[in-house]
Amino acid sequence: MFLQRLPMLTLLLWLLLLALSWPLALLALLLYPLICLLLLPFRLIGITVDAVLALLRAALLLPARLLHGPRIS
């Protein structure tokens, strides 16, 4: 998520929400861990699909890398 990479921005947005509507801010604070737990299987599926595609790419490009010969630096 974009907001996980910018913790200061996340904190400022939450404080703004707290100032505007404190019940909604507290609800968001309580629901955030539950949403992260619900999204965890999708993250694991994404990591797995990325690894399988990297393996397929390496297997398909291996003959070309072997025929190319040693690299000259």
C-alpha atoms as a PDB file:
ATOM      1  CA  MET A   1       0.000   0.000   0.000  1.00  0.00           C
ATOM      2  CA  PHE A   2       1.097   3.543  -0.668  1.00  0.00           C
ATOM      3  CA  LEU A   3       0.288   4.783   2.820  1.00  0.00           C
ATOM      4  CA  GLN A   4       2.403   2.123   4.508  1.00  0.00           C
ATOM      5  CA  ARG A   5       5.497   3.592   2.874  1.00  0.00           C
ATOM      6  CA  LEU A   6       4.821   7.053   4.225  1.00  0.00           C
ATOM      7  CA  PRO A   7       4.087   6.694   7.943  1.00  0.00           C
ATOM      8  CA  MET A   8       4.219  10.432   8.623  1.00  0.00           C
ATOM      9  CA  LEU A   9       1.627  11.137   5.946  1.00  0.00           C
ATOM     10  CA  THR A  10      -0.540   8.355   7.344  1.00  0.00           C
ATOM     11  CA  LEU A  11      -0.316   9.837  10.819  1.00  0.00           C
ATOM     12  CA  LEU A  12      -1.193  13.323   9.569  1.00  0.00           C
ATOM     13  CA  LEU A  13      -4.185  12.021   7.610  1.00  0.00           C
ATOM     14  CA  TRP A  14      -5.388  10.096  10.642  1.00  0.00           C
ATOM     15  CA  LEU A  15      -5.018  13.160  12.859  1.00  0.00           C
ATOM     16  CA  LEU A  16      -6.990  15.194  10.331  1.00  0.00           C
ATOM     17  CA  LEU A  17      -9.714  12.555  10.361  1.00  0.00           C
ATOM     18  CA  LEU A  18      -9.592  12.568  14.163  1.00  0.00           C
ATOM     19  CA  ALA A  19     -10.135  16.317  14.207  1.00  0.00           C
ATOM     20  CA  LEU A  20     -13.011  16.133  11.735  1.00  0.00           C
ATOM     21  CA  SER A  21     -14.767  13.013  12.981  1.00  0.00           C
ATOM     22  CA  TRP A  22     -13.350  11.181  15.978  1.00  0.00           C
ATOM     23  CA  PRO A  23     -15.775   8.193  15.867  1.00  0.00           C
ATOM     24  CA  LEU A  24     -14.834   7.506  12.270  1.00  0.00           C
ATOM     25  CA  ALA A  25     -11.125   7.827  13.107  1.00  0.00           C
ATOM     26  CA  LEU A  26     -11.431   5.347  15.980  1.00  0.00           C
ATOM     27  CA  LEU A  27     -13.384   2.952  13.773  1.00  0.00           C
ATOM     28  CA  ALA A  28     -10.679   3.178  11.114  1.00  0.00           C
ATOM     29  CA  LEU A  29      -8.034   2.561  13.770  1.00  0.00           C
ATOM     30  CA  LEU A  30      -9.829  -0.570  14.966  1.00  0.00           C
ATOM     31  CA  LEU A  31     -10.645  -1.960  11.508  1.00  0.00           C
ATOM     32  CA  TYR A  32      -7.176  -1.468   9.967  1.00  0.00           C
ATOM     33  CA  PRO A  33      -5.629  -4.667  11.448  1.00  0.00           C
ATOM     34  CA  LEU A  34      -8.671  -6.701  10.427  1.00  0.00           C
ATOM     35  CA  ILE A  35      -8.463  -5.440   6.853  1.00  0.00           C
ATOM     36  CA  CYS A  36      -4.740  -6.269   6.759  1.00  0.00           C
ATOM     37  CA  LEU A  37      -5.520  -9.809   7.905  1.00  0.00           C
ATOM     38  CA  LEU A  38      -8.215 -10.181   5.260  1.00  0.00           C
ATOM     39  CA  LEU A  39      -5.844  -8.995   2.514  1.00  0.00           C
ATOM     40  CA  LEU A  40      -2.968 -11.255   3.587  1.00  0.00           C
ATOM     41  CA  PRO A  41      -3.985 -14.236   1.382  1.00  0.00           C
ATOM     42  CA  PHE A  42      -4.044 -11.981  -1.675  1.00  0.00           C
ATOM     43  CA  ARG A  43      -0.539 -10.750  -0.890  1.00  0.00           C
ATOM     44  CA  LEU A  44       0.661 -14.339  -0.563  1.00  0.00           C
ATOM     45  CA  ILE A  45      -0.965 -15.235  -3.886  1.00  0.00           C
ATOM     46  CA  GLY A  46       0.733 -12.236  -5.494  1.00  0.00           C
ATOM     47  CA  ILE A  47       4.137 -13.266  -4.169  1.00  0.00           C
ATOM     48  CA  THR A  48       3.592 -16.827  -5.401  1.00  0.00           C
ATOM     49  CA  VAL A  49       2.491 -15.742  -8.873  1.00  0.00           C
ATOM     50  CA  ASP A  50       5.474 -13.398  -9.130  1.00  0.00           C
ATOM     51  CA  ALA A  51       7.853 -16.222  -8.190  1.00  0.00           C
ATOM     52  CA  VAL A  52       6.290 -18.631 -10.716  1.00  0.00           C
ATOM     53  CA  LEU A  53       6.519 -16.048 -13.494  1.00  0.00           C
ATOM     54  CA  ALA A  54      10.167 -15.352 -12.627  1.00  0.00           C
ATOM     55  CA  LEU A  55      10.885 -19.088 -12.767  1.00  0.00           C
ATOM     56  CA  LEU A  56       9.171 -19.423 -16.156  1.00  0.00           C
ATOM     57  CA  ARG A  57      11.085 -16.427 -17.495  1.00  0.00           C
ATOM     58  CA  ALA A  58      14.377 -17.901 -16.302  1.00  0.00           C
ATOM     59  CA  ALA A  59      13.542 -21.289 -17.848  1.00  0.00           C
ATOM     60  CA  LEU A  60      12.581 -19.736 -21.186  1.00  0.00           C
ATOM     61  CA  LEU A  61      15.651 -17.506 -21.372  1.00  0.00           C
ATOM     62  CA  LEU A  62      18.136 -20.179 -20.272  1.00  0.00           C
ATOM     63  CA  PRO A  63      18.790 -21.619 -23.782  1.00  0.00           C
ATOM     64  CA  ALA A  64      19.500 -18.158 -25.172  1.00  0.00           C
ATOM     65  CA  ARG A  65      21.876 -17.398 -22.320  1.00  0.00           C
ATOM     66  CA  LEU A  66      23.684 -20.695 -22.836  1.00  0.00           C
ATOM     67  CA  LEU A  67      24.053 -20.161 -26.604  1.00  0.00           C
ATOM     68  CA  HIS A  68      25.249 -16.597 -26.190  1.00  0.00           C
ATOM     69  CA  GLY A  69      28.467 -17.720 -24.532  1.00  0.00           C
ATOM     70  CA  PRO A  70      30.490 -15.981 -21.855  1.00  0.00           C
ATOM     71  CA  ARG A  71      30.031 -12.269 -21.374  1.00  0.00           C
ATOM     72  CA  ILE A  72      32.933  -9.974 -22.119  1.00  0.00           C
ATOM     73  CA  SER A  73      33.358  -7.302 -19.461  1.00  0.00           C
END
